[in-house]
Amino acid sequence: MSDVLDQSALEANAQRLVEAAKRAGADAADAVAVRGIALSVTVRLGKVEESERSEGDDFGLRVFVGRRHATVSANAFSDPDALAQRAVAMARVSPEDRYAGLADERLLATAFPDLDLLDPSTPDAATLTARALAAEDAARAVPGVTNSGGASASWSLGGLVLVTSHGFRGAYLGSRHSLSTTAVAGEGTGMQRDWEASSKIYGADLLDPETIGRNAGHRAVARLAPRQMPTTTVPVVWEPRAATSLVGHLLSAVNGSSIARKTSFLRHDLGKPVFAPGVSIVDDPFRPRGLGSRPFDGEGIVGDPIELVSDGVLTSWLLDSATARELDLTTNGRASRGTGSPHPGSTNVTLRAGRVSRDDMIRSIRSGLYVTDMIGSGVNGVTGDYSRGASGFWIENGELTHAVSEITVAGNLKDMYRRLVPADDLEYRFGINAPTVMIEGMTLAGR
């Protein structure tokens, strides 16, 4: 395992690519090396269906000739000069891009925080199989569960090496353990399914397999005998894992690329109230053991934590260097990258908890919808129009009553965000995290 963790050879090869690019005539260049190792096991009905392992190192070289640039990728490192010559030849016939270029040298990271991203324990296939079987067994043991959609356990190791021609050199590695299962309840056309999953940097931080299985089973059984509801306007409550989708739509709208292309419904709202007072959304690449944590971004910049929304006010876009230049701003270290060119992205995003409890939120509703699952992708990023299929439970006189399905929740995200109220039940489970949220005055299209 120690040879896998040693990235010195990858760094040396990335450095050779940059030097080869300069020899080939590039004015500037950067090279990335991406290490990936993954092991996964899938089981169903008590038997292993698939066991898979993959590993490899991929390389990418980006070169600049004046304001022209090109990127080439390779999954083997053999002839850096040939790869560099191809890249430079491509760049010379590419159109000029006045915003292209390496990150500002003054912004490059010089020290990297320790984010505890590498679990020293490495599970083998037998360990992963035992986890998956235990989760599926627990799901199938729930009364009312009639079948299994299977269970999957995986471990992966991924990292990034970045070397630039203007002096940056950095590398990091991170591990990830995941476990999920899907349970099926009911028979025939009345069957319902649901799932539970856990993903963590450290295997010891995973939800235990029995909890994952039981949660999946109980969720599937609770969805049996759903009813359709009439078209109406009511408050809608999103459970935490469904509420993350609302944050995801915001991240698309504040992505610097969307702003530069003028394809975001929030492009005129920087510095303006977008949410209700008290609502805050933070992007933090430095959370220890965070699924989206990283010591530097895809251009070598340490992006400090930022509040995208502060007390309801939209305060920042997600920017890499190119989009920042196009918008006459400074990058905030949100460049994401594989072996291709950088693009703006997020890290660990959190809609911070509010003050009201989930139970009090539900008790305050006479009639409404509690959403547990969203279907489809009916969101217009240009206008903010929102129309998505949903299922969950009907709220009657402050209590969850029966399951509902085949309902469409509709509105406009700008209006929805202004009415969004977060509860106090925030948990850190995903790359995007949110508590339960409520939005009043939503249109439900039913039967």
Protein backbone atom coordinates (compact mmCIF):
# COMPACT_ATOMS: atom_id res chain seq x y z
CA MET A 1 0.00 0.00 0.00
CA SER A 2 2.88 2.37 0.70
CA ASP A 3 3.79 2.49 -2.99
CA VAL A 4 0.23 3.58 -3.81
CA LEU A 5 0.41 6.40 -1.27
CA ASP A 6 3.75 7.61 -2.60
CA GLN A 7 2.98 10.19 -5.29
CA SER A 8 6.56 11.31 -5.86
CA ALA A 9 6.78 9.45 -9.19
CA LEU A 10 3.54 11.08 -10.35
CA GLU A 11 4.89 14.51 -9.36
CA ALA A 12 8.11 13.84 -11.25
CA ASN A 13 6.18 12.78 -14.38
CA ALA A 14 3.93 15.84 -14.19
CA GLN A 15 7.04 18.01 -13.93
CA ARG A 16 8.48 16.29 -17.02
CA LEU A 17 5.29 17.07 -18.95
CA VAL A 18 5.52 20.75 -18.07
CA GLU A 19 9.19 20.89 -19.05
CA ALA A 20 8.43 19.09 -22.32
CA ALA A 21 5.68 21.61 -23.07
CA LYS A 22 8.11 24.50 -22.62
CA ARG A 23 10.62 22.81 -24.92
CA ALA A 24 7.87 22.34 -27.51
CA GLY A 25 7.16 26.08 -27.57
CA ALA A 26 4.47 26.63 -24.93
CA ASP A 27 4.57 29.97 -23.15
CA ALA A 28 3.01 28.38 -20.05
CA ALA A 29 1.68 24.98 -19.04
CA ASP A 30 0.32 22.89 -16.22
CA ALA A 31 0.09 19.14 -15.80
CA VAL A 32 -2.12 16.98 -13.62
CA ALA A 33 -1.88 13.36 -12.62
CA VAL A 34 -4.97 11.70 -11.20
CA ARG A 35 -4.59 8.46 -9.28
CA GLY A 36 -7.63 6.27 -8.89
CA ILE A 37 -8.10 2.89 -7.20
CA ALA A 38 -11.53 1.39 -6.49
CA LEU A 39 -12.91 -1.84 -5.11
CA SER A 40 -16.63 -2.62 -4.98
CA VAL A 41 -18.90 -5.56 -4.22
CA THR A 42 -22.59 -5.83 -5.11
CA VAL A 43 -24.86 -8.46 -3.57
CA ARG A 44 -28.50 -9.39 -4.05
CA LEU A 45 -30.64 -11.92 -2.24
CA GLY A 46 -27.69 -13.10 -0.19
CA LYS A 47 -25.35 -13.77 -3.10
CA VAL A 48 -22.50 -11.80 -4.64
CA GLU A 49 -23.54 -10.47 -8.04
CA GLU A 50 -20.42 -8.53 -8.89
CA SER A 51 -16.97 -7.83 -7.50
CA GLU A 52 -14.91 -5.25 -9.32
CA ARG A 53 -11.51 -3.60 -8.91
CA SER A 54 -9.99 -0.85 -11.01
CA GLU A 55 -6.84 1.18 -10.74
CA GLY A 56 -4.83 3.52 -12.86
CA ASP A 57 -3.04 6.83 -13.23
CA ASP A 58 -4.29 9.37 -15.77
CA PHE A 59 -2.39 12.42 -16.99
CA GLY A 60 -3.49 15.73 -18.45
CA LEU A 61 -1.40 18.51 -19.98
CA ARG A 62 -2.69 22.02 -20.63
CA VAL A 63 -0.54 24.36 -22.70
CA PHE A 64 -0.77 28.05 -23.61
CA VAL A 65 0.65 29.67 -26.70
CA GLY A 66 -0.16 33.33 -26.27
CA ARG A 67 -3.90 33.39 -25.61
CA ARG A 68 -4.43 30.11 -27.39
CA HIS A 69 -4.61 26.92 -25.38
CA ALA A 70 -5.23 23.19 -25.66
CA THR A 71 -5.50 20.21 -23.34
CA VAL A 72 -4.53 16.60 -24.00
CA SER A 73 -5.01 13.55 -21.78
CA ALA A 74 -3.35 10.16 -21.56
CA ASN A 75 -3.75 7.07 -19.38
CA ALA A 76 -0.12 6.04 -19.67
CA PHE A 77 3.12 7.94 -19.25
CA SER A 78 5.67 6.97 -21.88
CA ASP A 79 6.71 9.85 -24.14
CA PRO A 80 6.21 13.32 -22.58
CA ASP A 81 7.78 15.10 -25.57
CA ALA A 82 5.34 13.57 -28.06
CA LEU A 83 2.36 14.44 -25.86
CA ALA A 84 3.63 18.00 -25.39
CA GLN A 85 4.24 18.49 -29.10
CA ARG A 86 0.68 17.38 -29.91
CA ALA A 87 -0.71 19.76 -27.31
CA VAL A 88 1.28 22.74 -28.57
CA ALA A 89 0.32 21.98 -32.18
CA MET A 90 -3.35 21.91 -31.15
CA ALA A 91 -3.01 25.18 -29.26
CA ARG A 92 -1.48 27.00 -32.22
CA VAL A 93 -4.56 26.34 -34.36
CA SER A 94 -7.08 27.02 -31.58
CA PRO A 95 -9.00 30.32 -31.41
CA GLU A 96 -7.71 32.97 -29.05
CA ASP A 97 -9.26 33.13 -25.62
CA ARG A 98 -8.46 36.40 -23.84
CA TYR A 99 -9.50 34.94 -20.47
CA ALA A 100 -7.27 31.86 -20.68
CA GLY A 101 -4.15 31.44 -18.60
CA LEU A 102 -2.71 29.97 -15.46
CA ALA A 103 -3.84 31.23 -12.08
CA ASP A 104 -2.32 34.46 -10.78
CA GLU A 105 1.02 33.50 -9.31
CA ARG A 106 0.38 35.71 -6.27
CA LEU A 107 -2.62 33.55 -5.32
CA LEU A 108 -0.89 30.16 -5.41
CA ALA A 109 -0.90 28.07 -2.28
CA THR A 110 2.36 27.90 -0.36
CA ALA A 111 1.17 25.71 2.52
CA PHE A 112 -1.44 22.97 2.61
CA PRO A 113 -3.76 22.24 5.57
CA ASP A 114 -4.01 18.70 6.92
CA LEU A 115 -7.64 17.72 6.33
CA ASP A 116 -7.43 14.08 7.49
CA LEU A 117 -8.58 12.74 4.13
CA LEU A 118 -6.80 9.38 4.14
CA ASP A 119 -8.05 6.39 6.12
CA PRO A 120 -5.11 4.05 6.73
CA SER A 121 -7.43 1.03 6.84
CA THR A 122 -8.02 -0.67 3.49
CA PRO A 123 -10.90 -3.17 3.29
CA ASP A 124 -10.59 -6.27 1.14
CA ALA A 125 -13.34 -7.84 -0.95
CA ALA A 126 -14.37 -10.14 1.91
CA THR A 127 -14.88 -7.19 4.26
CA LEU A 128 -16.94 -5.30 1.68
CA THR A 129 -19.00 -8.41 0.99
CA ALA A 130 -19.76 -8.81 4.68
CA ARG A 131 -20.87 -5.17 4.92
CA ALA A 132 -23.17 -5.45 1.92
CA LEU A 133 -24.69 -8.75 3.05
CA ALA A 134 -25.34 -7.41 6.55
CA ALA A 135 -27.09 -4.34 5.16
CA GLU A 136 -29.25 -6.38 2.80
CA ASP A 137 -30.11 -8.93 5.49
CA ALA A 138 -31.27 -6.15 7.81
CA ALA A 139 -33.44 -4.65 5.07
CA ARG A 140 -35.04 -8.00 4.18
CA ALA A 141 -35.78 -8.67 7.84
CA VAL A 142 -38.10 -5.65 8.08
CA PRO A 143 -41.75 -6.82 8.10
CA GLY A 144 -43.39 -5.91 4.81
CA VAL A 145 -40.20 -6.06 2.75
CA THR A 146 -40.74 -8.58 -0.04
CA ASN A 147 -37.65 -8.24 -2.20
CA SER A 148 -34.26 -6.63 -2.47
CA GLY A 149 -32.83 -4.21 -4.98
CA GLY A 150 -29.40 -5.26 -3.81
CA ALA A 151 -26.68 -3.79 -1.65
CA SER A 152 -23.30 -2.36 -2.57
CA ALA A 153 -20.15 -1.70 -0.56
CA SER A 154 -17.13 0.07 -1.97
CA TRP A 155 -13.81 1.64 -1.14
CA SER A 156 -11.81 4.00 -3.30
CA LEU A 157 -8.64 6.02 -3.22
CA GLY A 158 -8.27 9.11 -5.35
CA GLY A 159 -5.82 11.93 -5.56
CA LEU A 160 -4.46 14.79 -7.59
CA VAL A 161 -0.99 15.98 -8.48
CA LEU A 162 -0.65 19.45 -10.01
CA VAL A 163 2.52 21.03 -11.39
CA THR A 164 2.59 24.41 -13.18
CA SER A 165 5.23 26.21 -15.17
CA HIS A 166 5.07 29.20 -12.83
CA GLY A 167 6.17 27.33 -9.76
CA PHE A 168 3.31 25.45 -8.13
CA ARG A 169 3.75 21.83 -7.10
CA GLY A 170 1.27 20.02 -4.89
CA ALA A 171 -0.42 16.68 -4.31
CA TYR A 172 -3.07 15.09 -2.13
CA LEU A 173 -4.85 11.75 -1.68
CA GLY A 174 -8.19 10.87 -0.18
CA SER A 175 -10.08 7.69 0.62
CA ARG A 176 -13.80 7.01 0.53
CA HIS A 177 -15.93 4.19 1.96
CA SER A 178 -19.54 3.76 0.83
CA LEU A 179 -22.40 1.41 1.65
CA SER A 180 -25.94 1.39 0.27
CA THR A 181 -28.95 -0.88 -0.04
CA THR A 182 -32.36 -0.77 -1.70
CA ALA A 183 -35.43 -2.51 -0.29
CA VAL A 184 -38.66 -3.46 -2.07
CA ALA A 185 -41.98 -3.71 -0.25
CA GLY A 186 -45.39 -4.95 -1.38
CA GLU A 187 -46.44 -7.10 -4.32
CA GLY A 188 -47.32 -6.67 -7.99
CA THR A 189 -48.30 -3.19 -9.11
CA GLY A 190 -48.35 -2.06 -5.49
CA MET A 191 -44.62 -2.53 -4.96
CA GLN A 192 -42.60 0.35 -3.56
CA ARG A 193 -38.87 0.77 -3.12
CA ASP A 194 -36.57 3.02 -1.15
CA TRP A 195 -32.94 3.16 -0.18
CA GLU A 196 -30.42 4.19 2.42
CA ALA A 197 -26.74 4.96 1.96
CA SER A 198 -23.69 6.20 3.79
CA SER A 199 -20.42 7.57 2.40
CA LYS A 200 -17.46 8.65 4.50
CA ILE A 201 -13.73 9.29 4.28
CA TYR A 202 -13.10 6.84 7.13
CA GLY A 203 -14.77 3.45 7.18
CA ALA A 204 -15.26 3.71 10.93
CA ASP A 205 -17.53 6.73 10.38
CA LEU A 206 -20.02 4.86 8.18
CA LEU A 207 -23.50 4.14 9.44
CA ASP A 208 -23.45 0.51 10.52
CA PRO A 209 -24.85 -1.96 7.96
CA GLU A 210 -27.80 -2.95 10.14
CA THR A 211 -28.95 0.66 10.49
CA ILE A 212 -28.63 1.22 6.75
CA GLY A 213 -30.65 -1.90 6.01
CA ARG A 214 -33.37 -1.21 8.56
CA ASN A 215 -33.75 2.38 7.38
CA ALA A 216 -34.11 1.26 3.75
CA GLY A 217 -36.65 -1.38 4.72
CA HIS A 218 -38.78 0.89 6.88
CA ARG A 219 -38.73 3.64 4.26
CA ALA A 220 -39.92 1.22 1.56
CA VAL A 221 -42.74 -0.17 3.73
CA ALA A 222 -43.90 3.32 4.69
CA ARG A 223 -44.42 4.14 1.00
CA LEU A 224 -46.99 1.38 0.47
CA ALA A 225 -50.53 2.23 -0.66
CA PRO A 226 -49.77 5.80 -1.79
CA ARG A 227 -52.61 8.10 -2.73
CA GLN A 228 -52.89 10.81 -5.32
CA MET A 229 -53.90 14.22 -4.08
CA PRO A 230 -55.93 16.93 -5.78
CA THR A 231 -54.26 19.98 -7.27
CA THR A 232 -53.85 22.57 -4.53
CA THR A 233 -51.55 25.17 -2.96
CA VAL A 234 -50.02 24.19 0.37
CA PRO A 235 -46.78 24.34 2.40
CA VAL A 236 -44.21 21.76 1.34
CA VAL A 237 -41.56 20.29 3.64
CA TRP A 238 -38.45 18.62 2.18
CA GLU A 239 -36.66 16.03 4.32
CA PRO A 240 -32.88 16.65 4.51
CA ARG A 241 -31.77 14.37 1.71
CA ALA A 242 -34.44 15.83 -0.61
CA ALA A 243 -33.64 19.39 0.53
CA THR A 244 -30.09 19.04 -0.79
CA SER A 245 -31.54 19.23 -4.31
CA LEU A 246 -32.73 22.79 -3.62
CA VAL A 247 -29.17 23.72 -2.66
CA GLY A 248 -27.90 21.97 -5.78
CA HIS A 249 -30.07 24.19 -7.97
CA LEU A 250 -28.56 27.22 -6.25
CA LEU A 251 -25.03 25.97 -6.92
CA SER A 252 -25.80 25.70 -10.62
CA ALA A 253 -27.17 29.25 -10.59
CA VAL A 254 -24.11 30.75 -8.84
CA ASN A 255 -21.55 28.87 -10.92
CA GLY A 256 -19.30 31.40 -12.61
CA SER A 257 -19.70 29.70 -15.98
CA SER A 258 -23.48 30.17 -15.85
CA ILE A 259 -23.04 33.81 -14.88
CA ALA A 260 -20.55 34.47 -17.68
CA ARG A 261 -22.85 32.79 -20.23
CA LYS A 262 -25.84 34.74 -18.85
CA THR A 263 -27.75 31.49 -18.33
CA SER A 264 -28.49 31.90 -14.61
CA PHE A 265 -31.71 33.23 -13.12
CA LEU A 266 -29.58 34.85 -10.38
CA ARG A 267 -27.12 36.65 -12.66
CA HIS A 268 -28.37 40.10 -11.57
CA ASP A 269 -28.70 39.31 -7.86
CA LEU A 270 -25.17 39.42 -6.43
CA GLY A 271 -25.28 41.49 -3.24
CA LYS A 272 -29.06 41.29 -3.05
CA PRO A 273 -31.40 39.38 -0.70
CA VAL A 274 -32.19 36.03 -2.32
CA PHE A 275 -33.25 34.08 0.76
CA ALA A 276 -35.06 35.17 3.90
CA PRO A 277 -33.00 36.94 6.60
CA GLY A 278 -31.11 34.46 8.76
CA VAL A 279 -30.48 31.92 5.99
CA SER A 280 -26.79 31.15 5.33
CA ILE A 281 -25.12 28.76 2.90
CA VAL A 282 -21.39 28.10 3.18
CA ASP A 283 -18.87 26.36 0.92
CA ASP A 284 -15.94 25.01 2.97
CA PRO A 285 -13.09 23.05 1.34
CA PHE A 286 -11.29 22.70 4.68
CA ARG A 287 -13.76 20.61 6.69
CA PRO A 288 -11.77 17.71 8.20
CA ARG A 289 -12.87 14.41 6.66
CA GLY A 290 -15.28 16.26 4.36
CA LEU A 291 -16.34 14.44 1.21
CA GLY A 292 -15.55 17.52 -0.87
CA SER A 293 -12.49 18.70 1.05
CA ARG A 294 -9.19 19.49 -0.65
CA PRO A 295 -6.06 21.43 0.34
CA PHE A 296 -5.92 23.35 -2.97
CA ASP A 297 -8.09 23.69 -6.05
CA GLY A 298 -7.50 22.55 -9.63
CA GLU A 299 -5.29 25.57 -10.34
CA GLY A 300 -3.16 25.45 -7.19
CA ILE A 301 -5.08 28.00 -5.13
CA VAL A 302 -6.15 27.51 -1.53
CA GLY A 303 -9.79 28.55 -1.65
CA ASP A 304 -10.87 29.84 1.74
CA PRO A 305 -14.34 28.98 3.08
CA ILE A 306 -16.93 31.38 1.69
CA GLU A 307 -20.52 32.18 2.55
CA LEU A 308 -22.37 32.02 -0.72
CA VAL A 309 -25.44 33.30 1.09
CA SER A 310 -25.05 35.38 4.26
CA ASP A 311 -28.14 36.36 6.25
CA GLY A 312 -30.20 35.81 3.11
CA VAL A 313 -27.94 37.91 0.83
CA LEU A 314 -26.17 36.34 -2.16
CA THR A 315 -22.52 37.26 -1.64
CA SER A 316 -20.39 35.28 -4.08
CA TRP A 317 -20.15 33.26 -7.28
CA LEU A 318 -18.16 30.03 -7.63
CA LEU A 319 -15.11 31.08 -9.66
CA ASP A 320 -12.04 29.68 -11.31
CA SER A 321 -9.45 31.96 -12.92
CA ALA A 322 -10.93 32.09 -16.43
CA THR A 323 -14.50 32.87 -15.35
CA ALA A 324 -13.20 35.37 -12.80
CA ARG A 325 -11.30 37.23 -15.51
CA GLU A 326 -14.36 37.22 -17.76
CA LEU A 327 -16.45 38.70 -14.93
CA ASP A 328 -13.70 41.15 -13.92
CA LEU A 329 -13.34 39.47 -10.52
CA THR A 330 -10.72 37.43 -8.66
CA THR A 331 -10.94 33.66 -8.42
CA ASN A 332 -12.03 32.31 -5.04
CA GLY A 333 -10.28 28.96 -5.51
CA ARG A 334 -13.23 26.94 -6.74
CA ALA A 335 -11.59 25.35 -9.79
CA SER A 336 -12.55 21.69 -10.14
CA ARG A 337 -10.50 19.41 -12.34
CA GLY A 338 -9.79 15.97 -13.65
CA THR A 339 -7.35 15.58 -16.50
CA GLY A 340 -9.11 18.26 -18.56
CA SER A 341 -9.33 22.01 -18.18
CA PRO A 342 -10.48 23.55 -14.88
CA HIS A 343 -14.06 24.66 -14.39
CA PRO A 344 -15.87 26.25 -11.43
CA GLY A 345 -17.35 23.92 -8.84
CA SER A 346 -18.17 23.57 -5.16
CA THR A 347 -16.60 21.63 -2.29
CA ASN A 348 -18.50 20.96 0.97
CA VAL A 349 -21.70 22.99 0.82
CA THR A 350 -23.99 23.43 3.83
CA LEU A 351 -27.32 25.14 4.27
CA ARG A 352 -26.95 26.06 7.92
CA ALA A 353 -29.54 24.96 10.43
CA GLY A 354 -32.36 27.19 11.55
CA ARG A 355 -34.00 27.43 14.96
CA VAL A 356 -37.30 25.59 14.55
CA SER A 357 -37.43 21.83 15.08
CA ARG A 358 -38.60 19.48 12.35
CA ASP A 359 -41.50 18.30 14.52
CA ASP A 360 -42.65 21.84 15.31
CA MET A 361 -42.40 22.69 11.61
CA ILE A 362 -44.71 19.82 10.72
CA ARG A 363 -47.06 20.54 13.63
CA SER A 364 -47.56 24.06 12.32
CA ILE A 365 -49.07 22.78 9.05
CA ARG A 366 -52.77 22.08 8.72
CA SER A 367 -52.48 20.49 5.26
CA GLY A 368 -49.29 20.02 3.30
CA LEU A 369 -46.75 17.70 1.72
CA TYR A 370 -43.66 16.11 3.27
CA VAL A 371 -41.28 15.27 0.41
CA THR A 372 -38.95 12.29 0.66
CA ASP A 373 -38.09 11.79 -2.99
CA MET A 374 -37.78 14.04 -6.05
CA ILE A 375 -38.20 12.76 -9.60
CA GLY A 376 -37.00 14.25 -12.86
CA SER A 377 -35.05 17.42 -13.53
CA GLY A 378 -37.65 20.00 -14.49
CA VAL A 379 -35.74 23.15 -13.55
CA ASN A 380 -35.11 25.99 -15.99
CA GLY A 381 -31.75 27.47 -15.02
CA VAL A 382 -32.37 30.64 -17.01
CA THR A 383 -35.76 31.58 -15.53
CA GLY A 384 -35.76 29.62 -12.25
CA ASP A 385 -39.03 27.90 -13.13
CA TYR A 386 -39.33 24.74 -11.04
CA SER A 387 -41.52 21.70 -11.73
CA ARG A 388 -40.48 18.32 -10.37
CA GLY A 389 -42.23 15.08 -9.59
CA ALA A 390 -42.34 14.17 -5.92
CA SER A 391 -43.44 11.51 -3.50
CA GLY A 392 -43.66 11.48 0.27
CA PHE A 393 -46.36 11.81 2.91
CA TRP A 394 -49.39 13.98 3.38
CA ILE A 395 -49.45 16.28 6.41
CA GLU A 396 -52.86 16.62 8.05
CA ASN A 397 -53.42 18.65 11.21
CA GLY A 398 -49.71 18.67 12.02
CA GLU A 399 -49.07 14.95 11.55
CA LEU A 400 -47.66 12.73 8.80
CA THR A 401 -50.55 10.55 7.64
CA HIS A 402 -50.53 8.48 4.43
CA ALA A 403 -48.06 8.06 1.60
CA VAL A 404 -48.58 10.11 -1.57
CA SER A 405 -47.13 9.79 -5.07
CA GLU A 406 -47.55 11.06 -8.61
CA ILE A 407 -47.50 14.68 -7.48
CA THR A 408 -45.73 17.56 -9.22
CA VAL A 409 -44.34 20.38 -7.07
CA ALA A 410 -44.16 23.65 -8.99
CA GLY A 411 -43.03 27.23 -8.44
CA ASN A 412 -40.13 29.55 -9.23
CA LEU A 413 -36.86 29.15 -7.37
CA LYS A 414 -36.45 32.89 -6.76
CA ASP A 415 -39.81 32.96 -4.97
CA MET A 416 -39.17 29.62 -3.27
CA TYR A 417 -35.80 30.67 -1.87
CA ARG A 418 -37.28 33.83 -0.36
CA ARG A 419 -39.81 31.71 1.55
CA LEU A 420 -37.46 28.89 2.55
CA VAL A 421 -37.30 28.15 6.30
CA PRO A 422 -34.60 25.72 7.56
CA ALA A 423 -35.13 23.47 10.57
CA ASP A 424 -32.53 22.66 13.23
CA ASP A 425 -31.81 19.01 12.26
CA LEU A 426 -28.70 19.46 10.12
CA GLU A 427 -26.45 16.41 9.74
CA TYR A 428 -23.27 16.13 7.66
CA ARG A 429 -23.84 13.12 5.42
CA PHE A 430 -23.12 14.21 1.86
CA GLY A 431 -21.07 16.67 -0.17
CA ILE A 432 -24.12 18.95 -0.01
CA ASN A 433 -25.89 19.03 3.33
CA ALA A 434 -29.14 20.64 4.41
CA PRO A 435 -31.60 20.34 7.27
CA THR A 436 -35.32 19.82 6.78
CA VAL A 437 -36.75 22.88 5.01
CA MET A 438 -40.25 24.28 4.54
CA ILE A 439 -41.58 26.51 1.76
CA GLU A 440 -45.09 27.85 1.98
CA GLY A 441 -47.42 28.49 -0.96
CA MET A 442 -46.21 25.76 -3.29
CA THR A 443 -48.42 24.56 -6.13
CA LEU A 444 -49.09 20.82 -6.17
CA ALA A 445 -50.40 19.29 -9.37
CA GLY A 446 -52.18 16.04 -8.62
CA ARG A 447 -55.18 14.23 -9.99
